[in-house]
Amino acid sequence: MILKNKKLGHQQGAALIVSLLLLLVLTIIGVNSMQATSLEEKMAHATLDRNIALQSAESAARTAEALINSFPSLNAGLPGINGLYRQFHNEPDFTIPTTWSNPANHAIAITPDGSANSLYFIQEIGQIQSANNSTVLNIGSNSIAAPSNVTTFRIIARGSGGALTGAEAIIRSHFGRIL
């Protein structure tokens, strides 16, 4: 004997509609979370490139300071080309891209890992007279023990991050040394 369920014939497919709606909601949530993850990954990569650019610029500034410490005299150290300028030379404008693309305007520093390039230029600013009780101490590799002239320099260093985002950092610093 076959039993018939009268309720089976009256179903309208409500379970199918509810399950399809739940599947649609879960799909929308999944797509949104993937988009958010992708955006966060791009932001993390841009932050990494910006940090690499900053480290690259810092490295170029340290290279410039080491170069200044190696000068035997101003005349020997700052010829007015290749990013080494005396006080009477015109310093290039660091905000113009051609300053960094023209090799006559800058010097090249050692590039840290991941960086595209590290560039810098140095310009003599002038001299500061120090006294025994001056707050200008430990200039460059020399300590001031007697009144002397401290030659000050402006260093502008540019570093870039990885090639994907084009991140760039420019640092301006001042450095002094007794020559």
Protein backbone atom coordinates (compact mmCIF):
# COMPACT_ATOMS: atom_id res chain seq x y z
CA MET A 1 0.00 0.00 0.00
CA ILE A 2 1.26 3.46 -0.97
CA LEU A 3 0.73 6.35 1.37
CA LYS A 4 0.30 9.75 -0.12
CA ASN A 5 1.30 12.87 1.73
CA LYS A 6 -1.17 15.53 0.94
CA LYS A 7 1.17 18.30 2.14
CA LEU A 8 3.80 17.54 -0.51
CA GLY A 9 1.57 18.65 -3.33
CA HIS A 10 0.93 22.06 -1.77
CA GLN A 11 4.56 23.29 -1.34
CA GLN A 12 5.39 26.52 -3.14
CA GLY A 13 9.28 26.31 -3.12
CA ALA A 14 9.79 28.62 -0.13
CA ALA A 15 12.86 26.70 1.07
CA LEU A 16 14.53 27.20 -2.31
CA ILE A 17 13.87 30.94 -2.31
CA VAL A 18 15.14 31.37 1.27
CA SER A 19 18.31 29.40 0.55
CA LEU A 20 18.98 31.41 -2.64
CA LEU A 21 18.55 34.68 -0.71
CA LEU A 22 20.97 33.49 1.98
CA LEU A 23 23.47 32.47 -0.71
CA LEU A 24 23.16 35.92 -2.31
CA VAL A 25 23.78 37.67 1.02
CA LEU A 26 26.83 35.49 1.72
CA THR A 27 28.20 36.18 -1.79
CA ILE A 28 27.84 39.96 -1.30
CA ILE A 29 29.62 39.76 2.07
CA GLY A 30 32.43 37.67 0.52
CA VAL A 31 32.94 40.07 -2.41
CA ASN A 32 33.00 43.09 -0.09
CA SER A 33 35.55 41.49 2.22
CA MET A 34 37.78 40.61 -0.76
CA GLN A 35 37.63 44.22 -1.99
CA ALA A 36 38.51 45.52 1.46
CA THR A 37 41.42 43.09 1.73
CA SER A 38 42.70 44.14 -1.70
CA LEU A 39 42.54 47.81 -0.72
CA GLU A 40 44.35 47.16 2.55
CA GLU A 41 47.07 45.27 0.69
CA LYS A 42 47.56 48.21 -1.70
CA MET A 43 47.78 50.61 1.25
CA ALA A 44 50.34 48.40 2.99
CA HIS A 45 52.44 48.23 -0.18
CA ALA A 46 52.31 52.03 -0.61
CA THR A 47 53.38 52.48 3.02
CA LEU A 48 56.28 50.08 2.51
CA ASP A 49 57.41 51.97 -0.60
CA ARG A 50 57.15 55.29 1.25
CA ASN A 51 59.32 53.90 4.07
CA ILE A 52 61.87 52.62 1.55
CA ALA A 53 61.94 56.08 -0.08
CA LEU A 54 62.50 57.74 3.30
CA GLN A 55 65.31 55.31 4.17
CA SER A 56 66.84 55.92 0.76
CA ALA A 57 66.79 59.70 1.29
CA GLU A 58 68.27 59.28 4.79
CA SER A 59 71.03 57.12 3.30
CA ALA A 60 71.80 59.80 0.72
CA ALA A 61 71.94 62.48 3.45
CA ARG A 62 74.36 60.34 5.49
CA THR A 63 76.50 59.82 2.37
CA ALA A 64 76.59 63.60 1.84
CA GLU A 65 77.63 64.17 5.46
CA ALA A 66 80.45 61.62 5.11
CA LEU A 67 81.57 63.38 1.94
CA ILE A 68 81.62 66.76 3.72
CA ASN A 69 83.72 65.24 6.52
CA SER A 70 86.21 64.04 3.91
CA PHE A 71 86.77 67.50 2.34
CA PRO A 72 90.36 68.71 2.83
CA SER A 73 89.18 72.25 1.96
CA LEU A 74 86.15 73.95 0.47
CA ASN A 75 87.89 74.59 -2.84
CA ALA A 76 88.77 70.91 -3.21
CA GLY A 77 85.38 69.67 -2.04
CA LEU A 78 82.83 71.87 -3.80
CA PRO A 79 83.66 72.35 -7.48
CA GLY A 80 80.21 73.70 -8.46
CA ILE A 81 79.17 70.64 -10.49
CA ASN A 82 77.73 67.19 -9.83
CA GLY A 83 75.69 68.37 -6.87
CA LEU A 84 78.55 70.04 -4.94
CA TYR A 85 78.04 73.81 -4.77
CA ARG A 86 79.87 76.68 -3.10
CA GLN A 87 78.03 79.63 -1.59
CA PHE A 88 78.30 81.70 -4.78
CA HIS A 89 76.96 78.93 -7.07
CA ASN A 90 73.28 78.81 -7.90
CA GLU A 91 71.69 75.90 -6.08
CA PRO A 92 69.24 73.94 -8.27
CA ASP A 93 65.57 73.97 -7.36
CA PHE A 94 64.84 70.61 -5.77
CA THR A 95 61.11 70.87 -6.56
CA ILE A 96 61.70 70.67 -10.31
CA PRO A 97 61.96 67.10 -11.69
CA THR A 98 64.74 68.05 -14.14
CA THR A 99 67.00 68.82 -11.17
CA TRP A 100 66.93 65.13 -10.31
CA SER A 101 67.08 63.86 -13.89
CA ASN A 102 70.12 65.95 -14.90
CA PRO A 103 73.33 64.27 -13.61
CA ALA A 104 75.14 67.63 -13.48
CA ASN A 105 72.82 68.81 -10.69
CA HIS A 106 73.18 65.97 -8.19
CA ALA A 107 75.42 63.24 -6.86
CA ILE A 108 74.42 59.59 -6.61
CA ALA A 109 74.48 57.79 -3.27
CA ILE A 110 74.53 54.08 -2.52
CA THR A 111 71.03 52.74 -2.97
CA PRO A 112 69.45 50.69 -0.17
CA ASP A 113 67.70 47.44 -1.08
CA GLY A 114 64.37 48.01 -2.78
CA SER A 115 65.04 51.64 -3.64
CA ALA A 116 65.16 52.90 -7.21
CA ASN A 117 67.81 55.57 -6.54
CA SER A 118 69.29 57.90 -3.92
CA LEU A 119 70.42 61.34 -5.00
CA TYR A 120 71.68 64.42 -3.17
CA PHE A 121 73.27 67.80 -3.56
CA ILE A 122 75.23 69.93 -1.14
CA GLN A 123 75.54 73.71 -0.98
CA GLU A 124 77.75 75.72 1.32
CA ILE A 125 75.65 78.21 3.29
CA GLY A 126 78.33 80.16 5.13
CA GLN A 127 80.36 80.28 8.30
CA ILE A 128 79.34 80.62 11.92
CA GLN A 129 81.79 81.99 14.48
CA SER A 130 81.73 79.88 17.62
CA ALA A 131 83.06 80.71 21.05
CA ASN A 132 84.12 78.57 24.00
CA ASN A 133 80.67 78.83 25.56
CA SER A 134 78.87 78.30 22.25
CA THR A 135 76.09 75.77 21.90
CA VAL A 136 77.64 74.66 18.60
CA LEU A 137 79.64 71.63 19.77
CA ASN A 138 80.77 68.40 18.11
CA ILE A 139 80.44 69.71 14.59
CA GLY A 140 81.19 67.01 12.04
CA SER A 141 84.08 64.90 13.23
CA ASN A 142 85.61 67.78 15.25
CA SER A 143 84.84 69.06 18.72
CA ILE A 144 85.09 72.79 19.30
CA ALA A 145 87.67 73.55 21.97
CA ALA A 146 88.48 77.12 20.98
CA PRO A 147 86.78 79.85 18.98
CA SER A 148 86.71 78.78 15.35
CA ASN A 149 84.65 79.09 12.20
CA VAL A 150 82.11 76.40 11.48
CA THR A 151 81.24 76.08 7.82
CA THR A 152 77.59 75.15 7.38
CA PHE A 153 76.12 73.22 4.48
CA ARG A 154 72.62 72.54 3.23
CA ILE A 155 72.02 68.95 2.13
CA ILE A 156 69.02 68.06 0.03
CA ALA A 157 68.57 64.33 -0.47
CA ARG A 158 65.99 62.49 -2.55
CA GLY A 159 65.10 58.84 -2.26
CA SER A 160 62.57 56.75 -4.09
CA GLY A 161 60.79 53.58 -3.17
CA GLY A 162 59.95 50.68 -5.39
CA ALA A 163 59.03 51.26 -9.00
CA LEU A 164 55.37 50.26 -8.57
CA THR A 165 54.04 53.22 -6.61
CA GLY A 166 56.63 55.86 -7.43
CA ALA A 167 56.95 56.91 -3.79
CA GLU A 168 59.49 59.67 -3.23
CA ALA A 169 60.93 61.38 -0.16
CA ILE A 170 63.00 64.56 -0.02
CA ILE A 171 64.97 65.53 3.07
CA ARG A 172 66.55 68.92 3.71
CA SER A 173 69.13 69.09 6.46
CA HIS A 174 71.96 71.32 7.64
CA PHE A 175 75.41 70.11 8.53
CA GLY A 176 78.41 71.95 9.91
CA ARG A 177 82.12 71.30 9.93
CA ILE A 178 85.28 73.12 10.96
CA LEU A 179 87.46 73.44 7.86
